[in-house]
PDB file of N, CA and C in Angstrom:
ATOM      1  N   MET A   1     -13.312   8.503  -3.894  1.00  0.00           N
ATOM      2  CA  MET A   1     -13.057   9.823  -3.168  1.00  0.00           C
ATOM      3  C   MET A   1     -12.636  10.849  -4.247  1.00  0.00           C
ATOM      4  N   THR A   2     -13.255  12.019  -4.205  1.00  0.00           N
ATOM      5  CA  THR A   2     -12.909  13.053  -5.052  1.00  0.00           C
ATOM      6  C   THR A   2     -11.521  13.683  -4.743  1.00  0.00           C
ATOM      7  N   LYS A   3     -10.859  14.499  -5.487  1.00  0.00           N
ATOM      8  CA  LYS A   3      -9.698  15.139  -5.220  1.00  0.00           C
ATOM      9  C   LYS A   3      -9.876  16.092  -4.142  1.00  0.00           C
ATOM     10  N   LYS A   4     -10.990  16.807  -4.105  1.00  0.00           N
ATOM     11  CA  LYS A   4     -11.249  17.835  -3.039  1.00  0.00           C
ATOM     12  C   LYS A   4     -11.381  17.027  -1.702  1.00  0.00           C
ATOM     13  N   GLU A   5     -12.100  15.942  -1.655  1.00  0.00           N
ATOM     14  CA  GLU A   5     -12.104  15.109  -0.431  1.00  0.00           C
ATOM     15  C   GLU A   5     -10.857  14.600   0.017  1.00  0.00           C
ATOM     16  N   LEU A   6     -10.038  14.079  -0.922  1.00  0.00           N
ATOM     17  CA  LEU A   6      -8.718  13.599  -0.616  1.00  0.00           C
ATOM     18  C   LEU A   6      -7.859  14.706  -0.059  1.00  0.00           C
ATOM     19  N   ALA A   7      -7.932  15.912  -0.628  1.00  0.00           N
ATOM     20  CA  ALA A   7      -7.119  17.055  -0.125  1.00  0.00           C
ATOM     21  C   ALA A   7      -7.569  17.379   1.396  1.00  0.00           C
ATOM     22  N   GLU A   8      -8.874  17.283   1.616  1.00  0.00           N
ATOM     23  CA  GLU A   8      -9.394  17.597   2.981  1.00  0.00           C
ATOM     24  C   GLU A   8      -8.923  16.446   3.892  1.00  0.00           C
ATOM     25  N   ARG A   9      -8.961  15.253   3.476  1.00  0.00           N
ATOM     26  CA  ARG A   9      -8.628  14.045   4.243  1.00  0.00           C
ATOM     27  C   ARG A   9      -7.239  14.156   4.757  1.00  0.00           C
ATOM     28  N   ILE A  10      -6.278  14.608   3.854  1.00  0.00           N
ATOM     29  CA  ILE A  10      -4.883  14.693   4.205  1.00  0.00           C
ATOM     30  C   ILE A  10      -4.436  15.989   4.611  1.00  0.00           C
ATOM     31  N   ASN A  11      -5.505  16.881   4.808  1.00  0.00           N
ATOM     32  CA  ASN A  11      -5.221  18.228   5.295  1.00  0.00           C
ATOM     33  C   ASN A  11      -4.210  19.147   4.457  1.00  0.00           C
ATOM     34  N   VAL A  12      -4.417  19.129   3.144  1.00  0.00           N
ATOM     35  CA  VAL A  12      -3.622  19.993   2.279  1.00  0.00           C
ATOM     36  C   VAL A  12      -4.592  20.752   1.330  1.00  0.00           C
ATOM     37  N   ASP A  13      -4.176  21.845   0.823  1.00  0.00           N
ATOM     38  CA  ASP A  13      -4.935  22.569  -0.122  1.00  0.00           C
ATOM     39  C   ASP A  13      -5.097  21.742  -1.424  1.00  0.00           C
ATOM     40  N   PRO A  14      -6.263  21.841  -2.122  1.00  0.00           N
ATOM     41  CA  PRO A  14      -6.413  21.115  -3.305  1.00  0.00           C
ATOM     42  C   PRO A  14      -5.405  21.453  -4.420  1.00  0.00           C
ATOM     43  N   LYS A  15      -4.916  22.764  -4.407  1.00  0.00           N
ATOM     44  CA  LYS A  15      -3.825  23.087  -5.422  1.00  0.00           C
ATOM     45  C   LYS A  15      -2.532  22.258  -5.089  1.00  0.00           C
ATOM     46  N   THR A  16      -2.308  22.151  -3.837  1.00  0.00           N
ATOM     47  CA  THR A  16      -1.016  21.335  -3.519  1.00  0.00           C
ATOM     48  C   THR A  16      -1.277  19.957  -3.973  1.00  0.00           C
ATOM     49  N   LEU A  17      -2.375  19.339  -3.758  1.00  0.00           N
ATOM     50  CA  LEU A  17      -2.585  17.969  -4.188  1.00  0.00           C
ATOM     51  C   LEU A  17      -2.403  17.861  -5.658  1.00  0.00           C
ATOM     52  N   LYS A  18      -2.928  18.882  -6.421  1.00  0.00           N
ATOM     53  CA  LYS A  18      -2.828  18.856  -7.867  1.00  0.00           C
ATOM     54  C   LYS A  18      -1.371  18.921  -8.257  1.00  0.00           C
ATOM     55  N   ASN A  19      -0.524  19.727  -7.580  1.00  0.00           N
ATOM     56  CA  ASN A  19       0.916  19.861  -7.936  1.00  0.00           C
ATOM     57  C   ASN A  19       1.492  18.485  -7.641  1.00  0.00           C
ATOM     58  N   TRP A  20       1.114  17.892  -6.432  1.00  0.00           N
ATOM     59  CA  TRP A  20       1.805  16.607  -6.181  1.00  0.00           C
ATOM     60  C   TRP A  20       1.454  15.524  -7.196  1.00  0.00           C
ATOM     61  N   GLU A  21       0.245  15.581  -7.702  1.00  0.00           N
ATOM     62  CA  GLU A  21      -0.221  14.582  -8.803  1.00  0.00           C
ATOM     63  C   GLU A  21       0.762  14.652 -10.028  1.00  0.00           C
ATOM     64  N   THR A  22       1.274  15.856 -10.259  1.00  0.00           N
ATOM     65  CA  THR A  22       2.268  15.963 -11.364  1.00  0.00           C
ATOM     66  C   THR A  22       3.700  15.680 -10.926  1.00  0.00           C
ATOM     67  N   SER A  23       4.079  16.287  -9.750  1.00  0.00           N
ATOM     68  CA  SER A  23       5.493  16.160  -9.482  1.00  0.00           C
ATOM     69  C   SER A  23       5.778  14.951  -8.522  1.00  0.00           C
ATOM     70  N   LYS A  24       4.765  14.414  -7.868  1.00  0.00           N
ATOM     71  CA  LYS A  24       4.998  13.293  -7.001  1.00  0.00           C
ATOM     72  C   LYS A  24       3.910  12.312  -7.081  1.00  0.00           C
ATOM     73  N   PRO A  25       3.766  11.743  -8.282  1.00  0.00           N
ATOM     74  CA  PRO A  25       2.730  10.791  -8.459  1.00  0.00           C
ATOM     75  C   PRO A  25       2.810   9.546  -7.528  1.00  0.00           C
ATOM     76  N   GLU A  26       3.980   9.135  -7.157  1.00  0.00           N
ATOM     77  CA  GLU A  26       4.144   7.984  -6.358  1.00  0.00           C
ATOM     78  C   GLU A  26       3.714   8.236  -4.927  1.00  0.00           C
ATOM     79  N   LEU A  27       3.788   9.472  -4.443  1.00  0.00           N
ATOM     80  CA  LEU A  27       3.367   9.955  -3.146  1.00  0.00           C
ATOM     81  C   LEU A  27       1.729   9.842  -3.175  1.00  0.00           C
ATOM     82  N   ILE A  28       1.107  10.322  -4.230  1.00  0.00           N
ATOM     83  CA  ILE A  28      -0.315  10.244  -4.284  1.00  0.00           C
ATOM     84  C   ILE A  28      -0.762   8.800  -4.313  1.00  0.00           C
ATOM     85  N   ARG A  29      -0.087   7.928  -5.065  1.00  0.00           N
ATOM     86  CA  ARG A  29      -0.435   6.479  -5.081  1.00  0.00           C
ATOM     87  C   ARG A  29      -0.367   5.845  -3.598  1.00  0.00           C
ATOM     88  N   LEU A  30       0.729   6.261  -2.913  1.00  0.00           N
ATOM     89  CA  LEU A  30       0.884   5.719  -1.557  1.00  0.00           C
ATOM     90  C   LEU A  30      -0.079   6.231  -0.602  1.00  0.00           C
ATOM     91  N   ILE A  31      -0.578   7.534  -0.744  1.00  0.00           N
ATOM     92  CA  ILE A  31      -1.597   8.055   0.079  1.00  0.00           C
ATOM     93  C   ILE A  31      -2.859   7.318  -0.122  1.00  0.00           C
ATOM     94  N   ARG A  32      -3.290   7.116  -1.357  1.00  0.00           N
ATOM     95  CA  ARG A  32      -4.458   6.450  -1.756  1.00  0.00           C
ATOM     96  C   ARG A  32      -4.379   4.993  -1.216  1.00  0.00           C
ATOM     97  N   LEU A  33      -3.285   4.345  -1.410  1.00  0.00           N
ATOM     98  CA  LEU A  33      -3.135   3.025  -0.913  1.00  0.00           C
ATOM     99  C   LEU A  33      -3.346   2.918   0.558  1.00  0.00           C
ATOM    100  N   GLY A  34      -2.711   3.820   1.169  1.00  0.00           N
ATOM    101  CA  GLY A  34      -2.853   3.875   2.779  1.00  0.00           C
ATOM    102  C   GLY A  34      -4.316   4.070   3.131  1.00  0.00           C
ATOM    103  N   LEU A  35      -5.028   4.861   2.513  1.00  0.00           N
ATOM    104  CA  LEU A  35      -6.329   5.291   2.864  1.00  0.00           C
ATOM    105  C   LEU A  35      -7.295   4.033   2.523  1.00  0.00           C
ATOM    106  N   ALA A  36      -7.073   3.384   1.392  1.00  0.00           N
ATOM    107  CA  ALA A  36      -7.770   2.160   1.110  1.00  0.00           C
ATOM    108  C   ALA A  36      -7.506   1.100   2.153  1.00  0.00           C
ATOM    109  N   THR A  37      -6.156   1.009   2.484  1.00  0.00           N
ATOM    110  CA  THR A  37      -5.893  -0.068   3.580  1.00  0.00           C
ATOM    111  C   THR A  37      -6.689   0.175   4.837  1.00  0.00           C
ATOM    112  N   GLU A  38      -6.599   1.605   5.202  1.00  0.00           N
ATOM    113  CA  GLU A  38      -7.356   1.933   6.467  1.00  0.00           C
ATOM    114  C   GLU A  38      -8.884   1.537   6.352  1.00  0.00           C
ATOM    115  N   GLU A  39      -9.491   1.739   5.160  1.00  0.00           N
ATOM    116  CA  GLU A  39     -10.908   1.406   5.093  1.00  0.00           C
ATOM    117  C   GLU A  39     -11.072  -0.083   5.191  1.00  0.00           C
ATOM    118  N   HIS A  40     -10.256  -0.875   4.728  1.00  0.00           N
ATOM    119  CA  HIS A  40     -10.300  -2.412   4.816  1.00  0.00           C
ATOM    120  C   HIS A  40     -10.051  -2.762   6.317  1.00  0.00           C
ATOM    121  N   ILE A  41      -9.257  -2.119   7.000  1.00  0.00           N
ATOM    122  CA  ILE A  41      -8.940  -2.422   8.460  1.00  0.00           C
ATOM    123  C   ILE A  41     -10.238  -2.104   9.201  1.00  0.00           C
ATOM    124  N   ASN A  42     -10.754  -0.842   8.923  1.00  0.00           N
ATOM    125  CA  ASN A  42     -12.014  -0.527   9.663  1.00  0.00           C
ATOM    126  C   ASN A  42     -13.172  -1.415   9.377  1.00  0.00           C
ATOM    127  N   ALA A  43     -13.302  -1.906   8.127  1.00  0.00           N
ATOM    128  CA  ALA A  43     -14.440  -2.832   7.740  1.00  0.00           C
ATOM    129  C   ALA A  43     -14.213  -4.112   8.454  1.00  0.00           C
ATOM    130  N   THR A  44     -12.983  -4.641   8.448  1.00  0.00           N
ATOM    131  CA  THR A  44     -12.655  -5.895   9.138  1.00  0.00           C
ATOM    132  C   THR A  44     -12.924  -5.704  10.628  1.00  0.00           C
ATOM    133  N   LYS A  45     -12.622  -4.631  11.234  1.00  0.00           N
ATOM    134  CA  LYS A  45     -12.883  -4.378  12.670  1.00  0.00           C
ATOM    135  C   LYS A  45     -14.305  -4.468  12.985  1.00  0.00           C
ATOM    136  N   GLU A  46     -15.116  -3.724  12.102  1.00  0.00           N
ATOM    137  CA  GLU A  46     -16.523  -3.728  12.224  1.00  0.00           C
ATOM    138  C   GLU A  46     -17.143  -5.137  12.167  1.00  0.00           C
ATOM    139  N   TYR A  47     -16.613  -5.890  11.269  1.00  0.00           N
ATOM    140  CA  TYR A  47     -17.064  -7.332  11.077  1.00  0.00           C
ATOM    141  C   TYR A  47     -16.807  -8.094  12.348  1.00  0.00           C
ATOM    142  N   VAL A  48     -15.482  -7.984  12.820  1.00  0.00           N
ATOM    143  CA  VAL A  48     -15.144  -8.770  14.024  1.00  0.00           C
ATOM    144  C   VAL A  48     -16.034  -8.377  15.167  1.00  0.00           C
ATOM    145  N   ASP A  49     -16.277  -7.091  15.363  1.00  0.00           N
ATOM    146  CA  ASP A  49     -17.041  -6.526  16.474  1.00  0.00           C
ATOM    147  C   ASP A  49     -18.438  -7.164  16.412  1.00  0.00           C
ATOM    148  N   SER A  50     -19.083  -7.202  15.128  1.00  0.00           N
ATOM    149  CA  SER A  50     -20.363  -7.893  15.067  1.00  0.00           C
ATOM    150  C   SER A  50     -20.380  -9.342  15.258  1.00  0.00           C
ATOM    151  N   VAL A  51     -19.424 -10.086  14.957  1.00  0.00           N
ATOM    152  CA  VAL A  51     -19.333 -11.503  15.198  1.00  0.00           C
ATOM    153  C   VAL A  51     -19.236 -11.564  16.668  1.00  0.00           C
ATOM    154  N   GLU A  52     -18.257 -10.916  17.315  1.00  0.00           N
ATOM    155  CA  GLU A  52     -18.106 -10.948  18.791  1.00  0.00           C
ATOM    156  C   GLU A  52     -19.529 -10.680  19.506  1.00  0.00           C
ATOM    157  N   SER A  53     -20.169  -9.730  19.020  1.00  0.00           N
ATOM    158  CA  SER A  53     -21.556  -9.418  19.564  1.00  0.00           C
ATOM    159  C   SER A  53     -22.481 -10.657  19.450  1.00  0.00           C
ATOM    160  N   GLU A  54     -22.534 -11.190  18.257  1.00  0.00           N
ATOM    161  CA  GLU A  54     -23.346 -12.381  18.106  1.00  0.00           C
ATOM    162  C   GLU A  54     -22.945 -13.516  19.034  1.00  0.00           C
ATOM    163  N   ILE A  55     -21.591 -13.814  19.150  1.00  0.00           N
ATOM    164  CA  ILE A  55     -21.184 -14.862  20.047  1.00  0.00           C
ATOM    165  C   ILE A  55     -21.610 -14.607  21.430  1.00  0.00           C
ATOM    166  N   ASN A  56     -21.340 -13.323  21.927  1.00  0.00           N
ATOM    167  CA  ASN A  56     -21.784 -12.964  23.304  1.00  0.00           C
ATOM    168  C   ASN A  56     -23.277 -12.956  23.544  1.00  0.00           C
ATOM    169  N   ARG A  57     -24.003 -12.657  22.469  1.00  0.00           N
ATOM    170  CA  ARG A  57     -25.434 -12.655  22.673  1.00  0.00           C
ATOM    171  C   ARG A  57     -25.955 -14.121  22.857  1.00  0.00           C
ATOM    172  N   ASP A  58     -25.280 -15.048  22.118  1.00  0.00           N
ATOM    173  CA  ASP A  58     -25.709 -16.483  22.142  1.00  0.00           C
ATOM    174  C   ASP A  58     -25.240 -17.207  23.455  1.00  0.00           C
ATOM    175  N   ARG A  59     -24.456 -16.609  24.329  1.00  0.00           N
ATOM    176  CA  ARG A  59     -24.014 -17.146  25.533  1.00  0.00           C
ATOM    177  C   ARG A  59     -25.021 -17.182  26.592  1.00  0.00           C
TER     178      ARG A  59
END
């Protein structure tokens, strides 16, 4: 994810994000970690949904 995309995703100006990278690096790390976790959760949900569909189809 680019810095511009990250700024859009968390609804802040790219300049604000740049300032945070310098003044609040831990905040940026936590935001990125949270977004990565969200992506994993969504991927897992999609997998579970597909498995459930297969199970239901075979019944």
